[in-house]
Amino acid sequence: MTETPATGYDGLSSRSVPEAELREFLLDCFGIAEHELFIGHRDRVAEDLRDVPPEVVFAAFCTYQQVTGHFAMDFDVGIEGRLADRVGRREFAERFAARFGAYVLYGEAEPPGLWTVILADGSRLRVAMEEREDDRSVLQAATAPVPGLPGVRVDESLWRIR
């Protein structure tokens, strides 16, 4: 039997989620115990791990930071393969979006330059995004309207790009 390799689920959220709420979500989503999770702001990881013995391995390791543009938060969750078996990348994005009433951008198998956005109601859009030098992530086009972003051009042809 082959083990699923460790992986990472990263994305952008339209809502900035407080760390305590993010912690609760990750524990519930992956069904893990508190001691199996590390969560911290990307700028403070070394400081937060200062007193953790180097041999400690976390089943889920999450960092986050605030961003600008059409998104408020960037997150990165490294997980053991057993957790990927429990919750896939798309399911993770769907649960995150529903739990926090946000739209979530993530990538899985889209053509280069395109991404998937999951809306809070579970609908899925394909989008084109511009990542600017000032760390702003701005949606350029989407296959359907994005709630709260009337300026994003609707282009259904994004689904046809392979």
C-alpha atoms as a PDB file:
ATOM      1  CA  MET A   1       0.000   0.000   0.000  1.00  0.00           C
ATOM      2  CA  THR A   2       1.364   3.390  -0.977  1.00  0.00           C
ATOM      3  CA  GLU A   3       1.259   6.286   1.404  1.00  0.00           C
ATOM      4  CA  THR A   4      -0.035   9.627   0.215  1.00  0.00           C
ATOM      5  CA  PRO A   5       2.837  12.116   0.231  1.00  0.00           C
ATOM      6  CA  ALA A   6       2.747  15.237   2.360  1.00  0.00           C
ATOM      7  CA  THR A   7       1.462  18.262   0.495  1.00  0.00           C
ATOM      8  CA  GLY A   8       0.412  21.857   0.961  1.00  0.00           C
ATOM      9  CA  TYR A   9      -2.809  23.778   0.513  1.00  0.00           C
ATOM     10  CA  ASP A  10      -2.213  27.442  -0.133  1.00  0.00           C
ATOM     11  CA  GLY A  11      -4.570  30.145  -1.189  1.00  0.00           C
ATOM     12  CA  LEU A  12      -5.951  33.621  -0.850  1.00  0.00           C
ATOM     13  CA  SER A  13      -9.077  34.537   1.096  1.00  0.00           C
ATOM     14  CA  SER A  14     -11.279  37.573   0.616  1.00  0.00           C
ATOM     15  CA  ARG A  15     -11.726  37.687   4.372  1.00  0.00           C
ATOM     16  CA  SER A  16      -8.994  38.044   6.972  1.00  0.00           C
ATOM     17  CA  VAL A  17      -9.626  35.319   9.538  1.00  0.00           C
ATOM     18  CA  PRO A  18      -8.458  35.811  13.137  1.00  0.00           C
ATOM     19  CA  GLU A  19      -5.902  33.214  14.218  1.00  0.00           C
ATOM     20  CA  ALA A  20      -8.167  31.677  16.872  1.00  0.00           C
ATOM     21  CA  GLU A  21     -10.917  31.078  14.288  1.00  0.00           C
ATOM     22  CA  LEU A  22      -8.427  29.719  11.773  1.00  0.00           C
ATOM     23  CA  ARG A  23      -7.057  27.354  14.424  1.00  0.00           C
ATOM     24  CA  GLU A  24     -10.532  26.064  15.266  1.00  0.00           C
ATOM     25  CA  PHE A  25     -11.298  25.559  11.572  1.00  0.00           C
ATOM     26  CA  LEU A  26      -8.087  23.614  10.877  1.00  0.00           C
ATOM     27  CA  LEU A  27      -8.528  21.360  13.922  1.00  0.00           C
ATOM     28  CA  ASP A  28     -12.101  20.603  12.888  1.00  0.00           C
ATOM     29  CA  CYS A  29     -11.422  20.338   9.139  1.00  0.00           C
ATOM     30  CA  PHE A  30      -8.596  17.818   9.489  1.00  0.00           C
ATOM     31  CA  GLY A  31      -9.845  16.111  12.654  1.00  0.00           C
ATOM     32  CA  ILE A  32      -6.561  16.546  14.510  1.00  0.00           C
ATOM     33  CA  ALA A  33      -5.594  17.312  18.094  1.00  0.00           C
ATOM     34  CA  GLU A  34      -4.277  20.691  19.221  1.00  0.00           C
ATOM     35  CA  HIS A  35      -0.690  19.384  19.630  1.00  0.00           C
ATOM     36  CA  GLU A  36      -0.668  18.270  15.954  1.00  0.00           C
ATOM     37  CA  LEU A  37      -1.165  21.807  14.646  1.00  0.00           C
ATOM     38  CA  PHE A  38       1.156  24.753  14.350  1.00  0.00           C
ATOM     39  CA  ILE A  39      -0.333  28.043  13.255  1.00  0.00           C
ATOM     40  CA  GLY A  40       1.342  31.408  13.144  1.00  0.00           C
ATOM     41  CA  HIS A  41       1.768  34.671  11.290  1.00  0.00           C
ATOM     42  CA  ARG A  42       4.391  34.262   8.559  1.00  0.00           C
ATOM     43  CA  ASP A  43       6.565  37.025  10.066  1.00  0.00           C
ATOM     44  CA  ARG A  44       6.696  35.378  13.503  1.00  0.00           C
ATOM     45  CA  VAL A  45       7.270  31.673  12.754  1.00  0.00           C
ATOM     46  CA  ALA A  46      10.841  31.531  14.075  1.00  0.00           C
ATOM     47  CA  GLU A  47       9.843  33.368  17.239  1.00  0.00           C
ATOM     48  CA  ASP A  48       6.777  31.139  17.762  1.00  0.00           C
ATOM     49  CA  LEU A  49       8.879  27.981  17.365  1.00  0.00           C
ATOM     50  CA  ARG A  50      11.741  29.168  19.565  1.00  0.00           C
ATOM     51  CA  ASP A  51      10.765  26.910  22.501  1.00  0.00           C
ATOM     52  CA  VAL A  52       9.573  23.939  20.423  1.00  0.00           C
ATOM     53  CA  PRO A  53      12.051  21.046  20.344  1.00  0.00           C
ATOM     54  CA  PRO A  54      13.479  20.572  16.824  1.00  0.00           C
ATOM     55  CA  GLU A  55      12.326  16.942  16.646  1.00  0.00           C
ATOM     56  CA  VAL A  56       8.643  17.916  16.965  1.00  0.00           C
ATOM     57  CA  VAL A  57       6.701  17.297  13.756  1.00  0.00           C
ATOM     58  CA  PHE A  58       3.277  18.832  13.239  1.00  0.00           C
ATOM     59  CA  ALA A  59       0.614  17.034  11.174  1.00  0.00           C
ATOM     60  CA  ALA A  60      -0.515  20.454   9.904  1.00  0.00           C
ATOM     61  CA  PHE A  61       1.677  23.565   9.752  1.00  0.00           C
ATOM     62  CA  CYS A  62      -0.123  26.781   8.816  1.00  0.00           C
ATOM     63  CA  THR A  63       1.240  30.239   8.186  1.00  0.00           C
ATOM     64  CA  TYR A  64      -0.744  33.283   7.135  1.00  0.00           C
ATOM     65  CA  GLN A  65      -0.336  36.980   6.424  1.00  0.00           C
ATOM     66  CA  GLN A  66      -2.466  39.927   5.414  1.00  0.00           C
ATOM     67  CA  VAL A  67      -2.420  40.936   1.740  1.00  0.00           C
ATOM     68  CA  THR A  68      -4.004  43.658  -0.369  1.00  0.00           C
ATOM     69  CA  GLY A  69      -5.950  43.894  -3.590  1.00  0.00           C
ATOM     70  CA  HIS A  70      -9.029  41.733  -4.024  1.00  0.00           C
ATOM     71  CA  PHE A  71      -7.908  39.487  -1.159  1.00  0.00           C
ATOM     72  CA  ALA A  72      -7.303  40.110   2.519  1.00  0.00           C
ATOM     73  CA  MET A  73      -5.322  37.067   3.600  1.00  0.00           C
ATOM     74  CA  ASP A  74      -2.763  34.637   2.197  1.00  0.00           C
ATOM     75  CA  PHE A  75      -2.521  31.206   3.850  1.00  0.00           C
ATOM     76  CA  ASP A  76      -0.270  28.195   3.445  1.00  0.00           C
ATOM     77  CA  VAL A  77      -1.035  24.868   5.150  1.00  0.00           C
ATOM     78  CA  GLY A  78       1.499  22.053   4.929  1.00  0.00           C
ATOM     79  CA  ILE A  79      -0.105  18.708   5.783  1.00  0.00           C
ATOM     80  CA  GLU A  80       0.831  15.076   6.238  1.00  0.00           C
ATOM     81  CA  GLY A  81      -0.440  12.716   3.562  1.00  0.00           C
ATOM     82  CA  ARG A  82      -2.986  11.153   5.915  1.00  0.00           C
ATOM     83  CA  LEU A  83      -4.687  14.542   6.197  1.00  0.00           C
ATOM     84  CA  ALA A  84      -4.742  14.950   2.399  1.00  0.00           C
ATOM     85  CA  ASP A  85      -6.527  11.580   2.309  1.00  0.00           C
ATOM     86  CA  ARG A  86      -9.181  13.006   4.638  1.00  0.00           C
ATOM     87  CA  VAL A  87      -9.666  16.374   2.926  1.00  0.00           C
ATOM     88  CA  GLY A  88      -8.635  17.120  -0.641  1.00  0.00           C
ATOM     89  CA  ARG A  89      -7.449  20.501  -1.905  1.00  0.00           C
ATOM     90  CA  ARG A  90     -10.773  21.486  -3.484  1.00  0.00           C
ATOM     91  CA  GLU A  91     -12.772  20.289  -0.471  1.00  0.00           C
ATOM     92  CA  PHE A  92     -10.471  22.303   1.801  1.00  0.00           C
ATOM     93  CA  ALA A  93     -11.121  25.470  -0.246  1.00  0.00           C
ATOM     94  CA  GLU A  94     -14.873  24.780  -0.240  1.00  0.00           C
ATOM     95  CA  ARG A  95     -14.951  24.278   3.527  1.00  0.00           C
ATOM     96  CA  PHE A  96     -12.869  27.418   4.113  1.00  0.00           C
ATOM     97  CA  ALA A  97     -15.102  29.548   1.871  1.00  0.00           C
ATOM     98  CA  ALA A  98     -18.307  28.244   3.474  1.00  0.00           C
ATOM     99  CA  ARG A  99     -17.043  28.526   7.049  1.00  0.00           C
ATOM    100  CA  PHE A 100     -15.835  32.109   6.713  1.00  0.00           C
ATOM    101  CA  GLY A 101     -18.301  33.471   4.146  1.00  0.00           C
ATOM    102  CA  ALA A 102     -15.411  34.281   1.835  1.00  0.00           C
ATOM    103  CA  TYR A 103     -14.254  33.606  -1.676  1.00  0.00           C
ATOM    104  CA  VAL A 104     -11.056  31.566  -1.795  1.00  0.00           C
ATOM    105  CA  LEU A 105      -8.523  31.392  -4.609  1.00  0.00           C
ATOM    106  CA  TYR A 106      -6.455  28.237  -4.970  1.00  0.00           C
ATOM    107  CA  GLY A 107      -4.691  26.307  -7.685  1.00  0.00           C
ATOM    108  CA  GLU A 108      -4.824  22.649  -8.553  1.00  0.00           C
ATOM    109  CA  ALA A 109      -4.634  21.700 -12.230  1.00  0.00           C
ATOM    110  CA  GLU A 110      -5.559  24.885 -14.098  1.00  0.00           C
ATOM    111  CA  PRO A 111      -3.645  26.042 -17.159  1.00  0.00           C
ATOM    112  CA  PRO A 112      -0.752  28.437 -16.417  1.00  0.00           C
ATOM    113  CA  GLY A 113      -1.938  31.898 -15.399  1.00  0.00           C
ATOM    114  CA  LEU A 114      -5.389  30.743 -14.332  1.00  0.00           C
ATOM    115  CA  TRP A 115      -6.756  29.867 -10.903  1.00  0.00           C
ATOM    116  CA  THR A 116      -9.920  28.552  -9.296  1.00  0.00           C
ATOM    117  CA  VAL A 117     -12.055  30.644  -6.957  1.00  0.00           C
ATOM    118  CA  ILE A 118     -14.586  28.978  -4.663  1.00  0.00           C
ATOM    119  CA  LEU A 119     -17.424  31.245  -3.546  1.00  0.00           C
ATOM    120  CA  ALA A 120     -19.049  30.984  -0.113  1.00  0.00           C
ATOM    121  CA  ASP A 121     -22.031  29.164  -1.675  1.00  0.00           C
ATOM    122  CA  GLY A 122     -19.702  26.502  -3.100  1.00  0.00           C
ATOM    123  CA  SER A 123     -19.772  27.684  -6.718  1.00  0.00           C
ATOM    124  CA  ARG A 124     -16.542  27.456  -8.607  1.00  0.00           C
ATOM    125  CA  LEU A 125     -15.095  30.045 -10.996  1.00  0.00           C
ATOM    126  CA  ARG A 126     -11.981  30.073 -13.120  1.00  0.00           C
ATOM    127  CA  VAL A 127     -10.132  33.379 -12.916  1.00  0.00           C
ATOM    128  CA  ALA A 128      -7.202  35.270 -14.348  1.00  0.00           C
ATOM    129  CA  MET A 129      -5.269  37.248 -11.758  1.00  0.00           C
ATOM    130  CA  GLU A 130      -2.500  39.797 -11.759  1.00  0.00           C
ATOM    131  CA  GLU A 131       0.046  39.675  -8.949  1.00  0.00           C
ATOM    132  CA  ARG A 132       1.576  43.126  -8.752  1.00  0.00           C
ATOM    133  CA  GLU A 133       4.992  44.089  -7.436  1.00  0.00           C
ATOM    134  CA  ASP A 134       3.468  45.650  -4.327  1.00  0.00           C
ATOM    135  CA  ASP A 135       2.068  42.202  -3.326  1.00  0.00           C
ATOM    136  CA  ARG A 136      -1.431  43.138  -4.479  1.00  0.00           C
ATOM    137  CA  SER A 137      -3.428  40.303  -6.011  1.00  0.00           C
ATOM    138  CA  VAL A 138      -6.085  41.631  -8.379  1.00  0.00           C
ATOM    139  CA  LEU A 139      -8.598  39.561 -10.343  1.00  0.00           C
ATOM    140  CA  GLN A 140      -8.647  40.558 -14.005  1.00  0.00           C
ATOM    141  CA  ALA A 141     -11.401  38.249 -15.291  1.00  0.00           C
ATOM    142  CA  ALA A 142     -13.685  35.476 -14.031  1.00  0.00           C
ATOM    143  CA  THR A 143     -16.086  33.022 -15.641  1.00  0.00           C
ATOM    144  CA  ALA A 144     -18.996  34.569 -13.682  1.00  0.00           C
ATOM    145  CA  PRO A 145     -19.499  37.662 -11.503  1.00  0.00           C
ATOM    146  CA  VAL A 146     -17.552  37.697  -8.238  1.00  0.00           C
ATOM    147  CA  PRO A 147     -19.754  38.994  -5.378  1.00  0.00           C
ATOM    148  CA  GLY A 148     -18.579  42.409  -4.226  1.00  0.00           C
ATOM    149  CA  LEU A 149     -16.252  42.895  -7.210  1.00  0.00           C
ATOM    150  CA  PRO A 150     -18.334  44.421 -10.006  1.00  0.00           C
ATOM    151  CA  GLY A 151     -15.204  45.660 -11.818  1.00  0.00           C
ATOM    152  CA  VAL A 152     -13.930  42.145 -12.589  1.00  0.00           C
ATOM    153  CA  ARG A 153     -14.582  41.376 -16.258  1.00  0.00           C
ATOM    154  CA  VAL A 154     -16.732  38.283 -16.915  1.00  0.00           C
ATOM    155  CA  ASP A 155     -15.189  35.967 -19.513  1.00  0.00           C
ATOM    156  CA  GLU A 156     -16.771  32.523 -19.794  1.00  0.00           C
ATOM    157  CA  SER A 157     -14.138  31.501 -22.344  1.00  0.00           C
ATOM    158  CA  LEU A 158     -11.632  30.975 -19.482  1.00  0.00           C
ATOM    159  CA  TRP A 159     -13.156  27.488 -19.057  1.00  0.00           C
ATOM    160  CA  ARG A 160     -12.065  26.587 -22.598  1.00  0.00           C
ATOM    161  CA  ILE A 161      -8.384  27.384 -22.074  1.00  0.00           C
ATOM    162  CA  ARG A 162      -6.406  24.164 -21.696  1.00  0.00           C
END
